[in-house]
């Protein structure tokens, strides 16, 4: 597996690869890639926002399914 990714189990028992932001930053610092450090910050923020939206949508689905019973 690539050093900047880590395995994560999600709530439906499937394996997901997620970005290991700290490992990615360390790798870029070793290579002195300043421009990629800026990208990592941008992408990490975007992923956190998307995860929050995903949780919100999953909750809405659960509530709708409970209302339809």
C-alpha atoms as a PDB file:
ATOM      1  CA  UNK A   1       0.000   0.000   0.000  1.00  0.00           C
ATOM      2  CA  UNK A   2       1.216   3.533  -0.665  1.00  0.00           C
ATOM      3  CA  UNK A   3       2.620   5.247   2.433  1.00  0.00           C
ATOM      4  CA  UNK A   4       0.217   8.194   2.225  1.00  0.00           C
ATOM      5  CA  UNK A   5      -2.898   6.040   2.398  1.00  0.00           C
ATOM      6  CA  UNK A   6      -4.384   4.066   5.258  1.00  0.00           C
ATOM      7  CA  UNK A   7      -7.073   1.424   5.428  1.00  0.00           C
ATOM      8  CA  UNK A   8     -10.283   2.286   7.203  1.00  0.00           C
ATOM      9  CA  UNK A   9     -13.395   0.290   7.918  1.00  0.00           C
ATOM     10  CA  UNK A  10     -16.621   2.142   7.359  1.00  0.00           C
ATOM     11  CA  UNK A  11     -19.981   1.507   8.950  1.00  0.00           C
ATOM     12  CA  UNK A  12     -21.113  -1.026   6.332  1.00  0.00           C
ATOM     13  CA  UNK A  13     -18.127  -3.354   6.687  1.00  0.00           C
ATOM     14  CA  UNK A  14     -16.343  -2.389   3.508  1.00  0.00           C
ATOM     15  CA  UNK A  15     -12.719  -1.464   3.312  1.00  0.00           C
ATOM     16  CA  UNK A  16     -11.921   2.089   2.285  1.00  0.00           C
ATOM     17  CA  UNK A  17      -8.559   3.678   1.582  1.00  0.00           C
ATOM     18  CA  UNK A  18      -8.266   7.166   3.012  1.00  0.00           C
ATOM     19  CA  UNK A  19      -5.559   9.740   2.711  1.00  0.00           C
ATOM     20  CA  UNK A  20      -3.111   9.848   5.605  1.00  0.00           C
ATOM     21  CA  UNK A  21      -2.640  13.603   5.601  1.00  0.00           C
ATOM     22  CA  UNK A  22       0.224  13.575   8.098  1.00  0.00           C
ATOM     23  CA  UNK A  23       2.185  10.993   6.098  1.00  0.00           C
ATOM     24  CA  UNK A  24       1.563  12.951   2.905  1.00  0.00           C
ATOM     25  CA  UNK A  25       2.809  16.150   4.540  1.00  0.00           C
ATOM     26  CA  UNK A  26       5.915  14.395   5.889  1.00  0.00           C
ATOM     27  CA  UNK A  27       6.676  12.953   2.449  1.00  0.00           C
ATOM     28  CA  UNK A  28       6.322  16.354   0.777  1.00  0.00           C
ATOM     29  CA  UNK A  29       8.498  18.028   3.417  1.00  0.00           C
ATOM     30  CA  UNK A  30      11.210  15.415   2.805  1.00  0.00           C
ATOM     31  CA  UNK A  31      11.088  16.184  -0.920  1.00  0.00           C
ATOM     32  CA  UNK A  32      10.845  19.954  -0.264  1.00  0.00           C
ATOM     33  CA  UNK A  33       7.624  20.201  -2.297  1.00  0.00           C
ATOM     34  CA  UNK A  34       6.072  23.394  -0.919  1.00  0.00           C
ATOM     35  CA  UNK A  35       3.414  23.599  -3.633  1.00  0.00           C
ATOM     36  CA  UNK A  36       2.090  20.146  -2.723  1.00  0.00           C
ATOM     37  CA  UNK A  37       1.827  21.101   0.939  1.00  0.00           C
ATOM     38  CA  UNK A  38      -0.552  23.872  -0.104  1.00  0.00           C
ATOM     39  CA  UNK A  39      -2.588  21.387  -2.147  1.00  0.00           C
ATOM     40  CA  UNK A  40      -2.744  18.960   0.767  1.00  0.00           C
ATOM     41  CA  UNK A  41      -4.182  21.690   2.999  1.00  0.00           C
ATOM     42  CA  UNK A  42      -6.792  22.552   0.364  1.00  0.00           C
ATOM     43  CA  UNK A  43      -7.772  18.947  -0.310  1.00  0.00           C
ATOM     44  CA  UNK A  44      -7.913  18.016   3.368  1.00  0.00           C
ATOM     45  CA  UNK A  45     -10.332  20.885   4.029  1.00  0.00           C
ATOM     46  CA  UNK A  46     -12.442  19.874   1.019  1.00  0.00           C
ATOM     47  CA  UNK A  47     -12.560  16.223   2.126  1.00  0.00           C
ATOM     48  CA  UNK A  48     -13.617  17.187   5.644  1.00  0.00           C
ATOM     49  CA  UNK A  49     -16.456  19.288   4.190  1.00  0.00           C
ATOM     50  CA  UNK A  50     -17.527  16.407   1.932  1.00  0.00           C
ATOM     51  CA  UNK A  51     -17.482  13.949   4.840  1.00  0.00           C
ATOM     52  CA  UNK A  52     -19.703  16.296   6.821  1.00  0.00           C
ATOM     53  CA  UNK A  53     -22.130  16.560   3.908  1.00  0.00           C
ATOM     54  CA  UNK A  54     -22.101  12.771   3.510  1.00  0.00           C
ATOM     55  CA  UNK A  55     -22.995  12.270   7.178  1.00  0.00           C
ATOM     56  CA  UNK A  56     -25.806  14.803   6.829  1.00  0.00           C
ATOM     57  CA  UNK A  57     -27.230  13.018   3.771  1.00  0.00           C
ATOM     58  CA  UNK A  58     -27.010   9.600   5.448  1.00  0.00           C
ATOM     59  CA  UNK A  59     -28.920  10.940   8.446  1.00  0.00           C
ATOM     60  CA  UNK A  60     -31.609  12.306   6.139  1.00  0.00           C
ATOM     61  CA  UNK A  61     -31.956   8.897   4.493  1.00  0.00           C
ATOM     62  CA  UNK A  62     -32.310   7.170   7.856  1.00  0.00           C
ATOM     63  CA  UNK A  63     -34.942   9.659   8.991  1.00  0.00           C
ATOM     64  CA  UNK A  64     -36.912   9.271   5.743  1.00  0.00           C
ATOM     65  CA  UNK A  65     -36.805   5.493   5.978  1.00  0.00           C
ATOM     66  CA  UNK A  66     -38.074   5.674   9.576  1.00  0.00           C
ATOM     67  CA  UNK A  67     -40.900   8.009   8.579  1.00  0.00           C
ATOM     68  CA  UNK A  68     -41.963   5.686   5.756  1.00  0.00           C
ATOM     69  CA  UNK A  69     -42.444   2.687   8.077  1.00  0.00           C
END
